[in-house]
Amino acid sequence: ATSLRDITAELIVLYGNDAIYAAQSVHVHIFEPIRYAIADDLFSFDWEDKLTSNELALTLVRTVDDFMVDLRKCMDDFLLKKTLDALIPASTMFYLRCLLRKAVMLRGVGMPLFHDNTKALRRISGDIEAIREYFNSFVHDMPALKRVIEKEFGILITVHDVMSAANDSSCGDAFDSTP
């Protein structure tokens, strides 16, 4: 009987750890359609000039939310928190990777990153806020997320601040992608 209890307890721990791992890995599947839908358009000239209401950031938010609605049906709060712990940095890293990819791509062909740096910085700020607001909507039920949100979005805000400082006219055109 003791051996059976030990094996059962070990099995429960193993299944629990597997559930946590699965919850923390679900972002890979969530970001697949997001990458397909918006990665190429994010930071494009249309994003800068035509998409003035943060439409691409809202597409990211709506897609994440669609998945979260489904996940709420099959996960308890503990596993949802683990999922969000992974989704928050996945969201910020996706956004940052798209920005860096676009900068590297345009640098290779000698084109500027943006037509209007000030307008692009406003768009970036709006995108960050839209995504951040979505994740902040979970803080009431999961207060520990606040620290994760502050840490992860702090990275994007710092990048935005550096870009804003580089946009200062005394620095010349720091967004010029030509070598």
Protein backbone atom coordinates (compact mmCIF):
# COMPACT_ATOMS: atom_id res chain seq x y z
CA ALA A 1 0.00 0.00 0.00
CA THR A 2 2.85 2.39 0.83
CA SER A 3 4.58 1.61 -2.43
CA LEU A 4 1.34 2.23 -4.34
CA ARG A 5 0.87 5.59 -2.58
CA ASP A 6 4.47 6.58 -3.39
CA ILE A 7 4.09 5.65 -7.04
CA THR A 8 0.75 7.47 -7.25
CA ALA A 9 2.21 10.60 -5.63
CA GLU A 10 5.16 10.49 -8.02
CA LEU A 11 2.82 10.08 -10.97
CA ILE A 12 0.71 13.05 -9.85
CA VAL A 13 3.83 15.23 -9.56
CA LEU A 14 5.00 14.10 -12.99
CA TYR A 15 1.62 14.91 -14.59
CA GLY A 16 1.54 18.26 -12.78
CA ASN A 17 4.99 19.17 -14.08
CA ASP A 18 3.98 18.13 -17.60
CA ALA A 19 0.86 20.32 -17.38
CA ILE A 20 2.95 23.31 -16.28
CA TYR A 21 5.39 22.72 -19.14
CA ALA A 22 2.52 22.49 -21.63
CA ALA A 23 0.95 25.70 -20.28
CA GLN A 24 4.26 27.52 -20.57
CA SER A 25 4.79 26.23 -24.12
CA VAL A 26 1.40 27.05 -25.61
CA HIS A 27 2.67 30.48 -26.76
CA VAL A 28 4.53 28.73 -29.59
CA HIS A 29 1.20 27.67 -31.08
CA ILE A 30 -0.51 30.97 -30.32
CA PHE A 31 2.11 33.01 -32.13
CA GLU A 32 2.11 30.89 -35.28
CA PRO A 33 -1.04 32.53 -36.73
CA ILE A 34 0.03 35.92 -35.37
CA ARG A 35 3.37 35.66 -37.16
CA TYR A 36 1.59 34.68 -40.36
CA ALA A 37 -0.98 37.49 -40.05
CA ILE A 38 1.10 40.52 -39.07
CA ALA A 39 4.87 39.95 -38.97
CA ASP A 40 5.49 41.18 -42.52
CA ASP A 41 3.23 44.22 -42.14
CA LEU A 42 4.44 45.37 -38.74
CA PHE A 43 6.73 48.42 -39.20
CA SER A 44 5.93 48.63 -42.90
CA PHE A 45 5.20 51.95 -44.55
CA ASP A 46 1.47 51.07 -44.48
CA TRP A 47 1.75 50.47 -40.71
CA GLU A 48 3.32 53.90 -40.41
CA ASP A 49 1.01 55.84 -42.74
CA LYS A 50 -2.34 54.05 -43.00
CA LEU A 51 -2.84 51.88 -39.93
CA THR A 52 -3.28 54.76 -37.53
CA SER A 53 -5.30 52.95 -34.86
CA ASN A 54 -2.79 50.26 -33.90
CA GLU A 55 -4.65 47.68 -35.97
CA LEU A 56 -1.77 45.21 -36.11
CA ALA A 57 -1.17 45.33 -32.36
CA LEU A 58 -4.90 44.82 -31.87
CA THR A 59 -4.76 41.81 -34.21
CA LEU A 60 -2.11 40.35 -31.92
CA VAL A 61 -4.27 41.09 -28.87
CA ARG A 62 -7.44 39.64 -30.42
CA THR A 63 -5.65 36.47 -31.49
CA VAL A 64 -4.11 35.98 -28.04
CA ASP A 65 -7.50 36.63 -26.48
CA ASP A 66 -9.22 34.09 -28.77
CA PHE A 67 -6.78 31.46 -27.55
CA MET A 68 -7.16 32.59 -23.93
CA VAL A 69 -10.96 32.18 -24.14
CA ASP A 70 -10.42 28.56 -25.19
CA LEU A 71 -7.70 27.97 -22.59
CA ARG A 72 -9.94 29.29 -19.79
CA LYS A 73 -12.34 26.46 -20.56
CA CYS A 74 -9.76 23.74 -19.98
CA MET A 75 -7.20 25.20 -17.55
CA ASP A 76 -7.39 26.19 -13.93
CA ASP A 77 -6.16 29.59 -12.74
CA PHE A 78 -2.74 28.24 -11.80
CA LEU A 79 -2.08 26.96 -15.32
CA LEU A 80 -3.57 30.10 -16.90
CA LYS A 81 -1.10 32.15 -14.86
CA LYS A 82 1.74 29.96 -16.14
CA THR A 83 0.48 30.47 -19.69
CA LEU A 84 0.37 34.24 -19.24
CA ASP A 85 3.83 34.19 -17.67
CA ALA A 86 5.04 32.83 -21.01
CA LEU A 87 2.72 34.85 -23.29
CA ILE A 88 3.80 38.23 -21.96
CA PRO A 89 7.51 37.88 -22.83
CA ALA A 90 6.57 36.07 -26.05
CA SER A 91 4.51 39.12 -27.06
CA THR A 92 7.22 41.64 -26.30
CA MET A 93 9.91 39.54 -27.95
CA PHE A 94 7.74 39.03 -31.05
CA TYR A 95 7.29 42.79 -31.37
CA LEU A 96 10.98 43.49 -30.85
CA ARG A 97 12.05 40.76 -33.28
CA CYS A 98 9.79 42.21 -35.97
CA LEU A 99 11.33 45.65 -35.45
CA LEU A 100 14.89 44.31 -35.59
CA ARG A 101 14.13 42.12 -38.60
CA LYS A 102 12.74 45.10 -40.48
CA ALA A 103 15.74 47.27 -39.56
CA VAL A 104 18.24 44.63 -40.70
CA MET A 105 16.33 43.98 -43.92
CA LEU A 106 16.12 47.66 -44.85
CA ARG A 107 19.71 48.32 -43.88
CA GLY A 108 20.76 45.69 -46.39
CA VAL A 109 19.11 47.63 -49.23
CA GLY A 110 20.01 51.10 -47.93
CA MET A 111 16.45 52.26 -47.23
CA PRO A 112 15.34 54.28 -44.21
CA LEU A 113 13.46 52.39 -41.52
CA PHE A 114 10.61 54.92 -41.43
CA HIS A 115 9.34 57.79 -43.57
CA ASP A 116 8.56 59.88 -40.51
CA ASN A 117 10.43 58.87 -37.36
CA THR A 118 8.20 60.88 -35.03
CA LYS A 119 5.04 59.32 -36.45
CA ALA A 120 6.58 55.84 -36.24
CA LEU A 121 7.54 56.42 -32.60
CA ARG A 122 3.92 57.37 -31.85
CA ARG A 123 2.76 54.17 -33.56
CA ILE A 124 5.22 52.09 -31.54
CA SER A 125 4.07 53.75 -28.33
CA GLY A 126 0.44 53.05 -29.21
CA ASP A 127 1.20 49.43 -30.08
CA ILE A 128 3.02 48.90 -26.80
CA GLU A 129 0.15 50.43 -24.87
CA ALA A 130 -2.50 48.33 -26.67
CA ILE A 131 -0.68 45.08 -25.95
CA ARG A 132 0.18 46.09 -22.40
CA GLU A 133 -3.43 47.07 -21.63
CA TYR A 134 -4.59 43.63 -22.69
CA PHE A 135 -2.25 41.87 -20.29
CA ASN A 136 -3.04 44.37 -17.54
CA SER A 137 -6.66 43.21 -17.77
CA PHE A 138 -5.56 39.99 -16.04
CA VAL A 139 -3.82 41.70 -13.10
CA HIS A 140 -7.01 42.04 -11.05
CA ASP A 141 -7.38 38.24 -10.88
CA MET A 142 -3.66 37.48 -10.99
CA PRO A 143 -1.77 40.28 -9.19
CA ALA A 144 1.61 38.58 -9.62
CA LEU A 145 1.38 39.29 -13.37
CA LYS A 146 1.98 42.98 -12.70
CA ARG A 147 5.65 42.33 -12.02
CA VAL A 148 6.02 40.24 -15.21
CA ILE A 149 4.28 42.93 -17.27
CA GLU A 150 6.46 45.71 -15.86
CA LYS A 151 9.64 43.74 -16.49
CA GLU A 152 8.82 42.59 -20.00
CA PHE A 153 7.24 45.81 -21.25
CA GLY A 154 10.08 47.72 -19.62
CA ILE A 155 12.31 46.29 -22.35
CA LEU A 156 10.05 47.63 -25.13
CA ILE A 157 9.69 50.99 -23.40
CA THR A 158 13.47 51.25 -23.07
CA VAL A 159 13.92 50.49 -26.78
CA HIS A 160 11.30 53.14 -27.56
CA ASP A 161 13.07 55.64 -25.29
CA VAL A 162 16.41 54.97 -26.97
CA MET A 163 14.83 55.39 -30.39
CA SER A 164 13.20 58.63 -29.22
CA ALA A 165 16.53 59.93 -27.99
CA ALA A 166 18.13 58.95 -31.30
CA ASN A 167 15.38 60.88 -33.09
CA ASP A 168 16.50 64.08 -31.37
CA SER A 169 17.55 66.46 -34.14
CA SER A 170 20.95 66.99 -32.53
CA CYS A 171 21.82 63.35 -33.30
CA GLY A 172 21.23 63.66 -37.03
CA ASP A 173 19.18 60.92 -38.64
CA ALA A 174 19.90 58.02 -36.34
CA PHE A 175 17.23 55.99 -38.15
CA ASP A 176 19.12 56.15 -41.40
CA SER A 177 19.78 52.52 -42.21
CA THR A 178 22.59 53.13 -44.66
CA PRO A 179 26.00 51.96 -43.37
